[in-house]
Protein backbone atom coordinates (compact mmCIF):
# COMPACT_ATOMS: atom_id res chain seq x y z
CA UNK A 1 -61.28 73.87 35.78
CA UNK A 2 -60.00 70.98 36.89
CA UNK A 3 -57.83 71.47 39.85
CA UNK A 4 -55.30 69.21 41.21
CA UNK A 5 -53.06 69.20 44.28
CA UNK A 6 -49.38 69.15 43.93
CA UNK A 7 -46.77 66.40 45.81
CA UNK A 8 -45.10 68.97 46.95
CA UNK A 9 -47.45 70.74 48.59
CA UNK A 10 -49.60 67.40 49.67
CA UNK A 11 -46.02 66.79 51.04
CA UNK A 12 -44.68 70.18 52.78
CA UNK A 13 -43.72 70.21 56.10
CA UNK A 14 -47.08 72.36 56.53
CA UNK A 15 -49.05 69.79 55.87
CA UNK A 16 -47.71 67.17 57.61
CA UNK A 17 -46.63 69.68 61.22
CA UNK A 18 -43.34 71.52 61.56
CA UNK A 19 -43.40 70.07 65.02
CA UNK A 20 -43.42 66.07 63.32
CA UNK A 21 -40.69 66.97 61.05
CA UNK A 22 -36.77 66.81 63.68
CA UNK A 23 -35.16 67.40 60.89
CA UNK A 24 -36.23 69.25 58.31
CA UNK A 25 -34.05 69.37 54.94
CA UNK A 26 -36.84 70.38 52.85
CA UNK A 27 -37.10 73.61 52.66
CA UNK A 28 -36.41 75.84 49.89
CA UNK A 29 -36.36 79.35 52.33
CA UNK A 30 -33.87 80.72 54.17
CA UNK A 31 -35.17 80.58 58.65
CA UNK A 32 -38.26 82.14 59.58
CA UNK A 33 -38.22 85.53 61.42
CA UNK A 34 -40.30 86.59 64.23
CA UNK A 35 -41.67 89.28 64.01
CA UNK A 36 -40.36 91.13 67.47
CA UNK A 37 -37.15 90.98 65.39
CA UNK A 38 -37.42 92.88 62.72
CA UNK A 39 -39.21 96.02 64.51
CA UNK A 40 -42.80 96.07 62.45
CA UNK A 41 -44.38 98.76 63.90
CA UNK A 42 -48.29 98.69 62.12
CA UNK A 43 -49.82 100.58 65.36
CA UNK A 44 -51.21 103.30 62.79
CA UNK A 45 -51.70 101.26 59.69
CA UNK A 46 -55.15 102.43 58.37
CA UNK A 47 -57.04 98.69 57.39
CA UNK A 48 -58.19 99.68 54.50
CA UNK A 49 -58.23 98.83 50.61
CA UNK A 50 -55.10 99.72 48.70
CA UNK A 51 -53.53 100.74 45.50
CA UNK A 52 -54.83 98.03 43.34
CA UNK A 53 -51.25 97.28 41.77
CA UNK A 54 -49.57 97.36 45.51
CA UNK A 55 -48.04 99.58 48.05
CA UNK A 56 -46.21 103.06 45.83
CA UNK A 57 -43.51 102.69 48.02
CA UNK A 58 -43.08 99.15 48.08
CA UNK A 59 -42.70 99.11 44.57
CA UNK A 60 -40.40 102.49 44.58
CA UNK A 61 -37.73 99.49 46.80
CA UNK A 62 -38.36 97.33 44.95
CA UNK A 63 -37.20 98.68 41.87
CA UNK A 64 -34.04 100.28 43.66
CA UNK A 65 -31.68 99.05 41.53
CA UNK A 66 -33.38 99.33 38.40
CA UNK A 67 -32.14 102.28 35.55
CA UNK A 68 -35.12 101.74 33.35
CA UNK A 69 -38.63 99.86 35.05
CA UNK A 70 -41.37 102.55 36.99
CA UNK A 71 -43.19 101.71 39.46
CA UNK A 72 -46.70 101.10 37.26
CA UNK A 73 -44.09 97.93 35.79
CA UNK A 74 -44.69 96.45 38.98
CA UNK A 75 -47.54 94.41 40.51
CA UNK A 76 -47.81 92.96 43.67
CA UNK A 77 -49.07 89.68 43.90
CA UNK A 78 -49.79 87.45 46.46
CA UNK A 79 -46.42 85.64 46.77
CA UNK A 80 -44.46 84.69 43.52
CA UNK A 81 -46.79 81.63 43.19
CA UNK A 82 -49.41 84.45 42.64
CA UNK A 83 -47.57 86.19 40.25
CA UNK A 84 -47.43 82.55 38.43
CA UNK A 85 -50.55 82.16 38.13
CA UNK A 86 -52.24 85.58 37.11
CA UNK A 87 -49.44 85.66 34.27
CA UNK A 88 -50.59 82.45 33.16
CA UNK A 89 -54.05 83.12 33.33
CA UNK A 90 -53.53 86.01 31.41
CA UNK A 91 -51.36 85.09 28.48
CA UNK A 92 -52.36 82.03 27.85
CA UNK A 93 -56.04 80.51 26.24
CA UNK A 94 -56.74 76.76 25.58
CA UNK A 95 -59.51 77.94 22.67
CA UNK A 96 -56.73 78.82 20.43
CA UNK A 97 -54.30 75.10 21.27
CA UNK A 98 -51.68 77.79 22.86
CA UNK A 99 -48.17 76.52 24.00
CA UNK A 100 -45.53 77.12 26.47
CA UNK A 101 -41.51 76.78 26.26
CA UNK A 102 -41.11 75.31 30.32
CA UNK A 103 -37.51 74.50 31.93
CA UNK A 104 -37.63 71.50 33.98
CA UNK A 105 -37.47 70.38 36.66
CA UNK A 106 -39.52 73.12 37.98
CA UNK A 107 -41.31 74.28 40.89
CA UNK A 108 -44.79 72.77 40.26
CA UNK A 109 -46.98 76.31 39.52
CA UNK A 110 -44.50 77.23 36.63
CA UNK A 111 -45.77 73.55 34.77
CA UNK A 112 -49.04 72.58 36.18
CA UNK A 113 -51.10 76.26 36.24
CA UNK A 114 -50.52 76.05 32.51
CA UNK A 115 -51.32 72.41 31.71
CA UNK A 116 -54.36 73.05 33.75
CA UNK A 117 -55.32 75.51 31.34
CA UNK A 118 -55.19 72.94 28.33
CA UNK A 119 -51.94 74.29 27.10
CA UNK A 120 -49.32 71.78 25.92
CA UNK A 121 -46.01 72.27 27.34
CA UNK A 122 -42.49 71.70 25.68
CA UNK A 123 -40.63 71.52 28.26
CA UNK A 124 -37.09 71.74 28.01
CA UNK A 125 -35.22 68.87 30.57
CA UNK A 126 -32.05 70.48 32.53
CA UNK A 127 -29.46 67.53 33.03
CA UNK A 128 -26.89 67.15 35.63
CA UNK A 129 -24.94 65.89 32.93
CA UNK A 130 -24.58 69.35 31.14
CA UNK A 131 -24.72 71.18 34.74
CA UNK A 132 -28.42 71.61 34.15
CA UNK A 133 -27.31 74.13 31.28
CA UNK A 134 -30.35 75.41 28.86
CA UNK A 135 -30.01 74.05 25.47
CA UNK A 136 -30.62 76.97 23.62
CA UNK A 137 -31.11 74.92 20.02
CA UNK A 138 -33.88 72.69 22.09
CA UNK A 139 -35.48 75.75 22.85
CA UNK A 140 -35.20 77.81 19.27
CA UNK A 141 -36.39 74.59 17.56
CA UNK A 142 -38.96 74.62 20.33
CA UNK A 143 -40.47 77.83 18.97
CA UNK A 144 -44.01 78.01 16.77
CA UNK A 145 -46.74 80.00 15.92
CA UNK A 146 -48.63 78.46 18.74
CA UNK A 147 -45.36 79.79 21.87
CA UNK A 148 -47.01 82.30 24.08
CA UNK A 149 -44.44 81.71 26.03
CA UNK A 150 -40.65 80.70 27.50
CA UNK A 151 -40.73 80.18 31.16
CA UNK A 152 -37.11 80.12 33.39
CA UNK A 153 -35.96 80.06 37.01
CA UNK A 154 -32.66 81.77 37.57
CA UNK A 155 -31.65 80.56 40.13
CA UNK A 156 -32.85 77.66 39.40
CA UNK A 157 -34.78 75.89 42.12
CA UNK A 158 -34.32 73.23 43.01
CA UNK A 159 -30.82 72.86 41.32
CA UNK A 160 -29.41 76.27 42.66
CA UNK A 161 -27.81 76.62 39.39
CA UNK A 162 -27.53 80.06 38.15
CA UNK A 163 -28.25 80.68 34.26
CA UNK A 164 -25.31 82.67 32.32
CA UNK A 165 -26.13 85.85 31.30
CA UNK A 166 -24.64 84.96 28.24
CA UNK A 167 -28.05 82.85 27.31
CA UNK A 168 -30.13 84.85 29.13
CA UNK A 169 -29.49 88.03 26.83
CA UNK A 170 -30.18 84.64 24.28
CA UNK A 171 -33.27 84.19 25.24
CA UNK A 172 -34.31 87.39 25.06
CA UNK A 173 -33.42 87.92 21.74
CA UNK A 174 -35.17 84.67 20.97
CA UNK A 175 -38.44 86.33 21.94
CA UNK A 176 -38.38 89.20 21.13
CA UNK A 177 -37.88 87.98 17.46
CA UNK A 178 -41.25 85.47 17.58
CA UNK A 179 -42.70 88.84 19.48
CA UNK A 180 -43.22 86.54 22.63
CA UNK A 181 -42.01 87.29 26.42
CA UNK A 182 -39.54 85.81 28.35
CA UNK A 183 -40.46 84.84 31.54
CA UNK A 184 -37.65 84.82 34.29
CA UNK A 185 -39.12 83.66 37.86
CA UNK A 186 -35.93 85.18 39.57
CA UNK A 187 -37.24 84.40 43.77
CA UNK A 188 -33.68 83.59 44.62
CA UNK A 189 -32.47 86.61 42.75
CA UNK A 190 -30.69 88.38 46.41
CA UNK A 191 -29.50 84.95 47.04
CA UNK A 192 -26.84 84.58 44.32
CA UNK A 193 -23.21 84.31 45.53
CA UNK A 194 -21.76 85.49 42.90
CA UNK A 195 -24.73 89.01 42.22
CA UNK A 196 -24.06 90.12 38.43
CA UNK A 197 -25.79 92.69 38.86
CA UNK A 198 -28.42 93.05 36.32
CA UNK A 199 -32.00 94.14 36.24
CA UNK A 200 -33.63 91.52 33.35
CA UNK A 201 -36.31 93.90 33.24
CA UNK A 202 -34.28 96.57 31.93
CA UNK A 203 -32.84 94.43 29.17
CA UNK A 204 -36.71 94.85 27.32
CA UNK A 205 -39.74 94.97 27.46
CA UNK A 206 -40.31 91.53 26.44
CA UNK A 207 -38.99 90.51 29.91
CA UNK A 208 -40.87 89.97 32.82
CA UNK A 209 -39.12 88.99 36.00
CA UNK A 210 -41.57 87.66 39.08
CA UNK A 211 -39.80 87.79 42.60
CA UNK A 212 -40.74 87.43 46.08
CA UNK A 213 -39.77 88.08 49.59
CA UNK A 214 -40.54 84.66 50.81
CA UNK A 215 -36.67 82.62 49.94
CA UNK A 216 -34.48 85.19 50.24
CA UNK A 217 -36.03 87.08 54.01
CA UNK A 218 -37.75 84.30 55.63
CA UNK A 219 -41.45 85.91 55.14
CA UNK A 220 -43.11 83.47 53.57
CA UNK A 221 -45.90 84.28 55.89
CA UNK A 222 -47.04 87.42 54.56
CA UNK A 223 -47.60 86.21 50.62
CA UNK A 224 -46.10 89.04 49.08
CA UNK A 225 -44.23 88.67 45.58
CA UNK A 226 -44.64 91.11 42.36
CA UNK A 227 -44.27 90.65 38.98
CA UNK A 228 -41.68 93.72 36.36
CA UNK A 229 -42.65 94.08 32.94
CA UNK A 230 -42.19 97.54 31.14
CA UNK A 231 -45.10 96.10 28.80
CA UNK A 232 -48.00 98.86 29.80
CA UNK A 233 -50.60 96.03 27.91
CA UNK A 234 -49.70 92.97 29.64
CA UNK A 235 -49.76 95.14 33.19
CA UNK A 236 -53.45 95.62 32.15
CA UNK A 237 -53.83 92.05 31.78
CA UNK A 238 -51.92 91.06 35.10
CA UNK A 239 -53.98 93.44 36.94
CA UNK A 240 -57.21 92.47 35.63
CA UNK A 241 -56.70 89.00 36.80
CA UNK A 242 -54.97 89.85 39.99
CA UNK A 243 -58.89 92.18 40.19
CA UNK A 244 -60.94 88.99 39.82
CA UNK A 245 -59.22 87.03 42.27
CA UNK A 246 -58.44 89.40 45.40
CA UNK A 247 -58.69 92.79 44.03
CA UNK A 248 -55.50 94.27 45.89
CA UNK A 249 -53.05 92.28 48.49
CA UNK A 250 -53.35 92.89 52.22
CA UNK A 251 -52.64 95.93 53.28
CA UNK A 252 -51.31 94.89 56.81
CA UNK A 253 -49.22 92.12 54.23
CA UNK A 254 -47.62 94.80 52.32
CA UNK A 255 -46.91 97.27 55.04
CA UNK A 256 -44.60 94.94 56.51
CA UNK A 257 -43.31 93.85 52.89
CA UNK A 258 -42.32 97.60 52.72
CA UNK A 259 -40.53 97.73 56.20
CA UNK A 260 -38.52 94.91 55.41
CA UNK A 261 -37.30 95.75 52.14
CA UNK A 262 -36.45 99.03 54.05
CA UNK A 263 -34.44 97.77 55.88
CA UNK A 264 -32.81 95.84 52.44
CA UNK A 265 -29.05 96.77 53.52
CA UNK A 266 -28.73 95.69 57.57
CA UNK A 267 -30.69 93.03 56.67
CA UNK A 268 -29.26 90.75 53.81
CA UNK A 269 -25.70 91.16 54.30
CA UNK A 270 -26.37 89.21 57.84
CA UNK A 271 -28.25 86.54 55.60
CA UNK A 272 -25.87 86.14 52.71
CA UNK A 273 -23.38 85.74 55.75
CA UNK A 274 -24.90 83.11 57.22
CA UNK A 275 -26.08 81.11 54.30
CA UNK A 276 -22.07 80.41 52.68
CA UNK A 277 -21.52 79.63 56.08
CA UNK A 278 -24.32 76.82 55.80
CA UNK A 279 -23.16 76.49 52.44
CA UNK A 280 -19.48 75.53 53.12
CA UNK A 281 -20.94 72.56 55.37
CA UNK A 282 -22.61 71.05 52.45
CA UNK A 283 -20.35 71.60 49.89
CA UNK A 284 -17.82 69.93 52.68
CA UNK A 285 -20.31 66.93 52.64
CA UNK A 286 -20.63 66.61 49.57
CA UNK A 287 -17.12 66.33 49.24
CA UNK A 288 -17.12 63.59 51.51
CA UNK A 289 -20.57 62.24 49.67
CA UNK A 290 -18.83 62.06 46.97
CA UNK A 291 -15.60 60.41 47.76
CA UNK A 292 -17.63 56.98 49.40
CA UNK A 293 -19.59 57.28 45.86
CA UNK A 294 -23.10 57.82 47.78
CA UNK A 295 -24.52 61.25 46.48
CA UNK A 296 -23.04 63.60 43.22
CA UNK A 297 -24.35 67.00 42.59
CA UNK A 298 -24.14 69.77 40.39
CA UNK A 299 -23.04 72.50 43.26
CA UNK A 300 -25.33 75.40 43.11
CA UNK A 301 -24.30 78.89 42.67
CA UNK A 302 -26.87 80.73 44.02
CA UNK A 303 -30.41 80.38 47.06
CA UNK A 304 -30.62 77.55 49.76
CA UNK A 305 -31.25 74.79 48.42
CA UNK A 306 -29.05 71.82 45.91
CA UNK A 307 -30.87 68.72 44.41
CA UNK A 308 -28.19 65.87 45.08
CA UNK A 309 -28.22 62.18 42.97
CA UNK A 310 -27.94 59.08 44.89
CA UNK A 311 -25.34 56.65 43.41
CA UNK A 312 -26.69 53.17 42.34
CA UNK A 313 -29.95 51.64 43.64
CA UNK A 314 -33.74 51.73 41.78
CA UNK A 315 -36.85 52.75 42.61
CA UNK A 316 -37.22 50.64 44.92
CA UNK A 317 -34.25 50.95 47.07
CA UNK A 318 -34.52 54.79 46.81
CA UNK A 319 -37.86 54.44 47.66
CA UNK A 320 -36.03 52.46 51.28
CA UNK A 321 -34.06 55.38 51.46
CA UNK A 322 -36.51 58.11 52.56
CA UNK A 323 -38.29 55.51 54.56
CA UNK A 324 -35.23 55.15 56.57
CA UNK A 325 -34.31 58.66 56.96
CA UNK A 326 -37.31 59.57 57.89
CA UNK A 327 -38.60 56.60 60.34
CA UNK A 328 -35.39 56.14 61.81
CA UNK A 329 -33.07 59.52 61.55
CA UNK A 330 -36.53 61.42 61.79
CA UNK A 331 -34.80 63.58 58.67
CA UNK A 332 -36.61 64.96 55.84
CA UNK A 333 -35.74 65.83 52.19
CA UNK A 334 -37.79 66.81 49.43
CA UNK A 335 -37.80 63.66 46.89
CA UNK A 336 -37.78 63.85 43.38
CA UNK A 337 -41.23 63.71 42.65
CA UNK A 338 -42.10 67.27 44.21
CA UNK A 339 -41.02 68.35 41.01
CA UNK A 340 -42.15 65.23 38.82
CA UNK A 341 -38.57 63.74 38.09
CA UNK A 342 -36.84 60.43 39.57
CA UNK A 343 -36.89 60.00 43.18
CA UNK A 344 -33.20 58.98 42.30
CA UNK A 345 -32.91 62.57 43.03
CA UNK A 346 -33.72 65.02 46.11
CA UNK A 347 -33.69 68.86 47.09
CA UNK A 348 -32.20 69.42 50.10
CA UNK A 349 -32.43 72.95 52.11
CA UNK A 350 -30.46 74.38 53.71
CA UNK A 351 -30.75 77.53 54.91
CA UNK A 352 -34.11 76.88 57.05
CA UNK A 353 -32.80 75.03 59.87
CA UNK A 354 -31.06 75.54 62.97
CA UNK A 355 -27.13 75.04 62.00
CA UNK A 356 -27.04 71.95 64.55
CA UNK A 357 -29.98 71.06 63.19
CA UNK A 358 -28.43 70.72 59.59
CA UNK A 359 -24.80 69.27 60.98
CA UNK A 360 -27.50 66.28 62.12
CA UNK A 361 -29.72 66.02 59.13
CA UNK A 362 -26.52 65.84 56.86
CA UNK A 363 -25.26 63.14 59.32
CA UNK A 364 -28.27 61.63 59.38
CA UNK A 365 -28.21 61.52 55.50
CA UNK A 366 -24.85 59.50 55.21
CA UNK A 367 -25.83 56.94 58.01
CA UNK A 368 -28.79 56.26 56.37
CA UNK A 369 -26.99 55.98 52.99
CA UNK A 370 -24.25 53.36 54.37
CA UNK A 371 -26.96 51.39 56.44
CA UNK A 372 -28.95 50.65 52.93
CA UNK A 373 -25.09 50.55 51.14
CA UNK A 374 -26.06 46.75 50.37
CA UNK A 375 -29.06 47.60 48.51
CA UNK A 376 -27.31 50.45 46.67
CA UNK A 377 -24.21 48.28 45.30
CA UNK A 378 -26.22 45.55 44.47
CA UNK A 379 -26.46 45.01 40.72
């Protein structure tokens, strides 16, 4: 396989070194937690192999709001990225000219892993012009006998938009009629501003939901995610791939994850309140940016990222903007090419930096845009 590094990973803050990024607005997660603050107890943990599907108690906690799924429907994976990798490798076969339908922009693993496997991607491009809504007719017209699955992200990364329940149910019906899975990457599910309470894996055995603890709970370093699917044959395929790659997850990581989820009712309300306060800062700032005709956006409905678009300019001007914010203002965002999009757009993460860093970073973006006003306004 011809594996290649993705721009979002090559230019990731951890690759540049966190100490080199003063105002880091690139992150797509809540601020990193400190182990001691979580009161994690590991002294009596046996450092053994564990259940290949994952810690049963952890899987029970993941299913706390499910009415139909059972613990055997859950597979613990090394992050949501691991789950996406396992699913793609289990379901796709380059020898049969497979195709998938996937929304874009999207996190690279949703796009690149299938490409590496030699699969044709039929991308459903989301546009700010219609508020990043999924075009159901386009999905329907893209389906054919070679389609192996449809893949969406909800809430969406990098835009933060949420797919309406009616749209997801229409997609489930379409996939059921073609006897293929619908993959829902719902890594930001616990960060929805107005939770619809729907546990999508309960809706159909054709649904495969994927999530992790990385984004909402600020513990990306433990690399714990999962897939949920009520089709036992599909789950056996996913497990087979996992066992070939790593047999089982780290017992330490899974125990930390279990203890974090066990404290969910204590941790989550505080996290969501903090996110709401940060989001209000971003909304106020964006209102000012739109009034000055600097940036536009589609207001997010979940997560800790948004996807502003620069008004005016061209590729050279956008490149100069990134150079200015980084070199002059020590401020960093995720440019559009991280998502194989135009650099006129950028992902802005507001959950990871401190409040003071977020305020300063937003102000720096305003200053850089003002510095380049003549270039942006040039015909």
